[in-house]
Structures are given as C-alpha cells and as structure tokens.
Amino acid sequence: VSQINGCPTCLSIHVPGARKAGVEQRMLDLLPSWRQDSSGFFSAQQRAALYLAEALTEPQPGSGRTTAEDAVEAALTEFTAEQVAALEWAVVLINAYNRISIGSGHPPLPTRG
C-alpha cells in the first residue's frame, strides 16, 4: 500500500521491518511486478492479499480494472472471512497513515546501521 501511494516515510519504516522479519530482498525487489509473476514466486495467498491491497488503495469503479468486490471474492478463496476483514482493515489503516504522512511532508527515516 505504501509503495502504491509512494509514501517515503512508511516505506523507510516497513521495508527494513520486512527484511528484519525475514522477507527476502528478491521479494521486495519484485513486488511492483507481482501481477506479471509467471514463475509462481508469489504464493496464491500473497497474490490474493496484494490484489486486495491494490483494489482498496486504487479503486477504479467502472474502469474494468480491479474492483474491491472481485478482490474480496479472490481473497476469500485463500483466507477465512475473518482474515479478509483483518487484511481490509490493515489496508485501510496504512492508506490513512500514508495520506497523513504524505500530506504532512514527513521525510524518510534515516538509515540505521
């Protein structure tokens, strides 16, 4: 979500956090191209979560593109209804944080050594 919104502060927090949590650098590098992943690098659950995050971050009603309804339906094939609700709330919250941070002009956090 922070990548879609281009939030430098949030990215400077969450990308190092993802690395620390064990997310491979290759996954972070390939994240912008998740839709073109023909190798199966991203799991079905990861693709469903990314689809949902994209649909709730960039709603395009009437465009023929991702809709929230389609994304929720896809997510429900991989997650329980409770898990989908938790994912939706996480996406909504990160979108809110991104907008506040971007609107306030927060800079990226300094790199920690």
N, C-alpha and C. Protein backbone atom coordinates (compact mmCIF):
# COMPACT_ATOMS: atom_id res chain seq x y z
N VAL A 1 0.84 -1.19 0.00
CA VAL A 1 0.00 0.00 0.00
C VAL A 1 0.88 1.25 0.00
N SER A 2 1.90 1.24 0.85
CA SER A 2 2.79 2.41 0.90
C SER A 2 3.55 2.58 -0.42
N GLN A 3 3.84 1.48 -1.07
CA GLN A 3 4.50 1.56 -2.37
C GLN A 3 3.56 2.16 -3.41
N ILE A 4 2.33 1.71 -3.44
CA ILE A 4 1.35 2.25 -4.39
C ILE A 4 1.17 3.74 -4.16
N ASN A 5 1.10 4.15 -2.89
CA ASN A 5 0.88 5.55 -2.55
C ASN A 5 2.15 6.38 -2.61
N GLY A 6 3.30 5.73 -2.70
CA GLY A 6 4.57 6.47 -2.77
C GLY A 6 4.90 7.20 -1.48
N CYS A 7 4.68 6.55 -0.35
CA CYS A 7 4.92 7.19 0.95
C CYS A 7 6.35 6.89 1.41
N PRO A 8 7.26 7.87 1.29
CA PRO A 8 8.65 7.61 1.65
C PRO A 8 8.86 7.28 3.13
N THR A 9 8.14 7.94 4.01
CA THR A 9 8.31 7.65 5.43
C THR A 9 7.89 6.23 5.74
N CYS A 10 6.72 5.84 5.27
CA CYS A 10 6.22 4.50 5.56
C CYS A 10 7.11 3.43 4.94
N LEU A 11 7.59 3.67 3.71
CA LEU A 11 8.50 2.71 3.09
C LEU A 11 9.80 2.61 3.86
N SER A 12 10.28 3.73 4.38
CA SER A 12 11.54 3.70 5.13
C SER A 12 11.39 2.96 6.46
N ILE A 13 10.16 2.78 6.91
CA ILE A 13 9.90 2.02 8.13
C ILE A 13 9.63 0.55 7.80
N HIS A 14 8.74 0.32 6.83
CA HIS A 14 8.24 -1.04 6.61
C HIS A 14 9.16 -1.93 5.78
N VAL A 15 9.91 -1.38 4.85
CA VAL A 15 10.81 -2.22 4.07
C VAL A 15 11.92 -2.80 4.96
N PRO A 16 12.62 -1.99 5.77
CA PRO A 16 13.60 -2.59 6.69
C PRO A 16 12.93 -3.56 7.69
N GLY A 17 11.72 -3.23 8.12
CA GLY A 17 11.00 -4.13 9.02
C GLY A 17 10.69 -5.47 8.37
N ALA A 18 10.33 -5.43 7.09
CA ALA A 18 10.06 -6.67 6.35
C ALA A 18 11.33 -7.51 6.25
N ARG A 19 12.45 -6.85 5.94
CA ARG A 19 13.72 -7.58 5.87
C ARG A 19 14.04 -8.23 7.21
N LYS A 20 13.88 -7.46 8.27
CA LYS A 20 14.18 -7.95 9.62
C LYS A 20 13.27 -9.13 9.98
N ALA A 21 12.04 -9.13 9.46
CA ALA A 21 11.08 -10.22 9.72
C ALA A 21 11.34 -11.43 8.84
N GLY A 22 12.33 -11.33 7.92
CA GLY A 22 12.69 -12.48 7.10
C GLY A 22 12.19 -12.46 5.67
N VAL A 23 11.58 -11.37 5.24
CA VAL A 23 11.16 -11.28 3.84
C VAL A 23 12.40 -11.13 2.97
N GLU A 24 12.52 -11.99 1.97
CA GLU A 24 13.68 -11.96 1.08
C GLU A 24 13.74 -10.65 0.30
N GLN A 25 14.95 -10.16 0.10
CA GLN A 25 15.15 -8.94 -0.68
C GLN A 25 14.58 -9.11 -2.08
N ARG A 26 14.72 -10.30 -2.66
CA ARG A 26 14.19 -10.55 -4.02
C ARG A 26 12.68 -10.31 -4.06
N MET A 27 11.97 -10.70 -3.02
CA MET A 27 10.52 -10.47 -2.99
C MET A 27 10.22 -8.98 -2.96
N LEU A 28 10.98 -8.24 -2.16
CA LEU A 28 10.78 -6.79 -2.11
C LEU A 28 11.10 -6.15 -3.46
N ASP A 29 12.14 -6.65 -4.12
CA ASP A 29 12.52 -6.12 -5.43
C ASP A 29 11.44 -6.39 -6.49
N LEU A 30 10.81 -7.56 -6.41
CA LEU A 30 9.83 -7.96 -7.42
C LEU A 30 8.40 -7.52 -7.10
N LEU A 31 8.20 -6.96 -5.94
CA LEU A 31 6.85 -6.58 -5.51
C LEU A 31 6.10 -5.73 -6.53
N PRO A 32 6.74 -4.71 -7.15
CA PRO A 32 5.97 -3.92 -8.11
C PRO A 32 5.47 -4.72 -9.32
N SER A 33 6.08 -5.87 -9.58
CA SER A 33 5.67 -6.66 -10.75
C SER A 33 4.91 -7.93 -10.36
N TRP A 34 4.28 -7.94 -9.19
CA TRP A 34 3.61 -9.14 -8.73
C TRP A 34 2.57 -9.66 -9.71
N ARG A 35 1.90 -8.78 -10.43
CA ARG A 35 0.86 -9.22 -11.38
C ARG A 35 1.45 -9.97 -12.57
N GLN A 36 2.70 -9.70 -12.91
CA GLN A 36 3.34 -10.35 -14.04
C GLN A 36 4.14 -11.58 -13.62
N ASP A 37 3.98 -12.03 -12.40
CA ASP A 37 4.73 -13.16 -11.86
C ASP A 37 4.26 -14.46 -12.48
N SER A 38 4.94 -14.89 -13.54
CA SER A 38 4.57 -16.16 -14.18
C SER A 38 5.35 -17.33 -13.59
N SER A 39 6.34 -17.04 -12.75
CA SER A 39 7.17 -18.09 -12.17
C SER A 39 6.56 -18.69 -10.91
N GLY A 40 5.51 -18.06 -10.39
CA GLY A 40 4.92 -18.53 -9.15
C GLY A 40 5.72 -18.12 -7.92
N PHE A 41 6.54 -17.09 -8.07
CA PHE A 41 7.35 -16.61 -6.95
C PHE A 41 6.46 -16.18 -5.78
N PHE A 42 5.36 -15.49 -6.09
CA PHE A 42 4.42 -15.09 -5.06
C PHE A 42 3.38 -16.20 -4.89
N SER A 43 3.10 -16.56 -3.66
CA SER A 43 2.12 -17.62 -3.39
C SER A 43 0.72 -17.13 -3.73
N ALA A 44 -0.21 -18.06 -3.78
CA ALA A 44 -1.61 -17.70 -4.04
C ALA A 44 -2.14 -16.77 -2.95
N GLN A 45 -1.77 -17.02 -1.70
CA GLN A 45 -2.21 -16.14 -0.61
C GLN A 45 -1.60 -14.75 -0.77
N GLN A 46 -0.34 -14.68 -1.09
CA GLN A 46 0.31 -13.37 -1.28
C GLN A 46 -0.34 -12.61 -2.43
N ARG A 47 -0.61 -13.29 -3.53
CA ARG A 47 -1.27 -12.61 -4.67
C ARG A 47 -2.66 -12.13 -4.29
N ALA A 48 -3.40 -12.94 -3.53
CA ALA A 48 -4.75 -12.53 -3.10
C ALA A 48 -4.67 -11.30 -2.20
N ALA A 49 -3.71 -11.27 -1.28
CA ALA A 49 -3.56 -10.12 -0.39
C ALA A 49 -3.13 -8.88 -1.17
N LEU A 50 -2.22 -9.05 -2.12
CA LEU A 50 -1.78 -7.91 -2.94
C LEU A 50 -2.92 -7.38 -3.81
N TYR A 51 -3.71 -8.27 -4.36
CA TYR A 51 -4.87 -7.89 -5.17
C TYR A 51 -5.84 -7.06 -4.32
N LEU A 52 -6.08 -7.52 -3.10
CA LEU A 52 -6.99 -6.80 -2.20
C LEU A 52 -6.41 -5.43 -1.84
N ALA A 53 -5.13 -5.39 -1.52
CA ALA A 53 -4.48 -4.12 -1.17
C ALA A 53 -4.57 -3.14 -2.33
N GLU A 54 -4.32 -3.63 -3.53
CA GLU A 54 -4.39 -2.77 -4.71
C GLU A 54 -5.81 -2.26 -4.95
N ALA A 55 -6.78 -3.14 -4.83
CA ALA A 55 -8.18 -2.75 -5.08
C ALA A 55 -8.68 -1.72 -4.08
N LEU A 56 -8.26 -1.83 -2.83
CA LEU A 56 -8.73 -0.89 -1.81
C LEU A 56 -7.91 0.40 -1.79
N THR A 57 -6.75 0.38 -2.43
CA THR A 57 -5.90 1.56 -2.47
C THR A 57 -6.17 2.39 -3.71
N GLU A 58 -6.40 1.73 -4.83
CA GLU A 58 -6.65 2.41 -6.10
C GLU A 58 -8.00 1.99 -6.67
N PRO A 59 -9.10 2.31 -5.99
CA PRO A 59 -10.40 1.90 -6.53
C PRO A 59 -10.64 2.55 -7.89
N GLN A 60 -11.08 1.76 -8.82
CA GLN A 60 -11.32 2.23 -10.18
C GLN A 60 -12.73 1.84 -10.63
N PRO A 61 -13.76 2.33 -9.95
CA PRO A 61 -15.12 1.93 -10.32
C PRO A 61 -15.41 2.21 -11.79
N GLY A 62 -15.97 1.21 -12.46
CA GLY A 62 -16.37 1.38 -13.84
C GLY A 62 -15.24 1.33 -14.85
N SER A 63 -14.01 1.07 -14.41
CA SER A 63 -12.88 1.07 -15.34
C SER A 63 -12.62 -0.29 -15.95
N GLY A 64 -13.26 -1.32 -15.42
CA GLY A 64 -12.96 -2.66 -15.88
C GLY A 64 -11.72 -3.23 -15.21
N ARG A 65 -11.09 -2.43 -14.35
CA ARG A 65 -9.91 -2.87 -13.61
C ARG A 65 -10.33 -3.49 -12.30
N THR A 66 -9.40 -3.70 -11.44
CA THR A 66 -9.65 -4.30 -10.14
C THR A 66 -10.81 -3.62 -9.42
N THR A 67 -11.73 -4.42 -8.93
CA THR A 67 -12.79 -3.87 -8.07
C THR A 67 -12.63 -4.48 -6.70
N ALA A 68 -13.08 -3.78 -5.70
CA ALA A 68 -13.00 -4.30 -4.33
C ALA A 68 -13.78 -5.59 -4.21
N GLU A 69 -14.93 -5.67 -4.87
CA GLU A 69 -15.74 -6.88 -4.78
C GLU A 69 -15.00 -8.08 -5.35
N ASP A 70 -14.35 -7.91 -6.50
CA ASP A 70 -13.58 -9.01 -7.11
C ASP A 70 -12.41 -9.40 -6.21
N ALA A 71 -11.76 -8.41 -5.64
CA ALA A 71 -10.61 -8.68 -4.79
C ALA A 71 -11.01 -9.41 -3.52
N VAL A 72 -12.12 -9.02 -2.93
CA VAL A 72 -12.60 -9.71 -1.74
C VAL A 72 -12.96 -11.14 -2.08
N GLU A 73 -13.64 -11.34 -3.20
CA GLU A 73 -14.01 -12.69 -3.63
C GLU A 73 -12.75 -13.54 -3.82
N ALA A 74 -11.74 -12.99 -4.45
CA ALA A 74 -10.48 -13.71 -4.65
C ALA A 74 -9.81 -14.01 -3.31
N ALA A 75 -9.82 -13.05 -2.40
CA ALA A 75 -9.19 -13.24 -1.09
C ALA A 75 -9.90 -14.34 -0.31
N LEU A 76 -11.22 -14.43 -0.47
CA LEU A 76 -11.98 -15.45 0.27
C LEU A 76 -11.67 -16.87 -0.20
N THR A 77 -11.02 -17.01 -1.35
CA THR A 77 -10.60 -18.35 -1.78
C THR A 77 -9.32 -18.78 -1.08
N GLU A 78 -8.62 -17.82 -0.48
CA GLU A 78 -7.34 -18.11 0.18
C GLU A 78 -7.37 -17.89 1.69
N PHE A 79 -8.32 -17.09 2.17
CA PHE A 79 -8.38 -16.71 3.58
C PHE A 79 -9.79 -16.89 4.11
N THR A 80 -9.91 -16.98 5.42
CA THR A 80 -11.24 -17.00 6.04
C THR A 80 -11.83 -15.59 5.98
N ALA A 81 -13.11 -15.49 6.21
CA ALA A 81 -13.76 -14.17 6.22
C ALA A 81 -13.13 -13.26 7.28
N GLU A 82 -12.78 -13.82 8.42
CA GLU A 82 -12.15 -13.02 9.48
C GLU A 82 -10.77 -12.53 9.05
N GLN A 83 -10.02 -13.37 8.35
CA GLN A 83 -8.70 -12.96 7.86
C GLN A 83 -8.83 -11.87 6.79
N VAL A 84 -9.83 -12.01 5.92
CA VAL A 84 -10.05 -10.98 4.89
C VAL A 84 -10.41 -9.66 5.56
N ALA A 85 -11.25 -9.70 6.57
CA ALA A 85 -11.61 -8.47 7.30
C ALA A 85 -10.36 -7.84 7.92
N ALA A 86 -9.48 -8.64 8.49
CA ALA A 86 -8.25 -8.12 9.09
C ALA A 86 -7.36 -7.50 8.01
N LEU A 87 -7.26 -8.15 6.86
CA LEU A 87 -6.48 -7.59 5.75
C LEU A 87 -7.08 -6.26 5.27
N GLU A 88 -8.41 -6.22 5.15
CA GLU A 88 -9.06 -4.98 4.73
C GLU A 88 -8.75 -3.84 5.69
N TRP A 89 -8.84 -4.10 6.99
CA TRP A 89 -8.56 -3.06 7.98
C TRP A 89 -7.10 -2.64 7.92
N ALA A 90 -6.20 -3.58 7.72
CA ALA A 90 -4.77 -3.23 7.61
C ALA A 90 -4.55 -2.31 6.41
N VAL A 91 -5.17 -2.63 5.29
CA VAL A 91 -5.04 -1.80 4.09
C VAL A 91 -5.61 -0.40 4.33
N VAL A 92 -6.78 -0.33 4.93
CA VAL A 92 -7.42 0.96 5.21
C VAL A 92 -6.55 1.80 6.15
N LEU A 93 -6.01 1.19 7.19
CA LEU A 93 -5.17 1.92 8.14
C LEU A 93 -3.89 2.42 7.50
N ILE A 94 -3.23 1.58 6.71
CA ILE A 94 -1.99 2.01 6.05
C ILE A 94 -2.29 3.12 5.06
N ASN A 95 -3.41 3.05 4.35
CA ASN A 95 -3.79 4.14 3.45
C ASN A 95 -3.96 5.44 4.23
N ALA A 96 -4.58 5.37 5.40
CA ALA A 96 -4.76 6.57 6.22
C ALA A 96 -3.42 7.12 6.68
N TYR A 97 -2.55 6.24 7.17
CA TYR A 97 -1.23 6.68 7.62
C TYR A 97 -0.45 7.31 6.46
N ASN A 98 -0.54 6.67 5.28
CA ASN A 98 0.17 7.21 4.11
C ASN A 98 -0.31 8.62 3.78
N ARG A 99 -1.60 8.82 3.78
CA ARG A 99 -2.13 10.13 3.41
C ARG A 99 -1.72 11.21 4.42
N ILE A 100 -1.74 10.87 5.69
CA ILE A 100 -1.30 11.83 6.70
C ILE A 100 0.18 12.13 6.54
N SER A 101 0.98 11.09 6.37
CA SER A 101 2.42 11.27 6.25
C SER A 101 2.79 12.06 5.00
N ILE A 102 2.19 11.70 3.87
CA ILE A 102 2.47 12.42 2.62
C ILE A 102 2.00 13.86 2.73
N GLY A 103 0.78 14.06 3.24
CA GLY A 103 0.23 15.41 3.37
C GLY A 103 1.02 16.28 4.33
N SER A 104 1.65 15.67 5.31
CA SER A 104 2.45 16.43 6.27
C SER A 104 3.88 16.61 5.83
N GLY A 105 4.25 15.99 4.72
CA GLY A 105 5.61 16.13 4.21
C GLY A 105 6.67 15.43 5.02
N HIS A 106 6.28 14.35 5.71
CA HIS A 106 7.27 13.63 6.52
C HIS A 106 8.35 13.04 5.61
N PRO A 107 9.62 13.21 5.99
CA PRO A 107 10.71 12.65 5.19
C PRO A 107 10.93 11.18 5.54
N PRO A 108 11.69 10.47 4.70
CA PRO A 108 12.05 9.09 5.07
C PRO A 108 12.87 9.11 6.36
N LEU A 109 12.76 8.06 7.12
CA LEU A 109 13.60 7.95 8.32
C LEU A 109 15.04 7.70 7.91
N PRO A 110 15.99 8.17 8.70
CA PRO A 110 17.39 7.91 8.38
C PRO A 110 17.69 6.41 8.46
N THR A 111 18.64 5.96 7.66
CA THR A 111 19.06 4.57 7.69
C THR A 111 19.77 4.30 8.99
N ARG A 112 19.43 3.19 9.59
CA ARG A 112 20.10 2.82 10.84
C ARG A 112 21.14 1.76 10.55
N GLY A 113 22.28 1.90 11.13
CA GLY A 113 23.37 0.96 10.89
C GLY A 113 23.47 -0.12 11.83
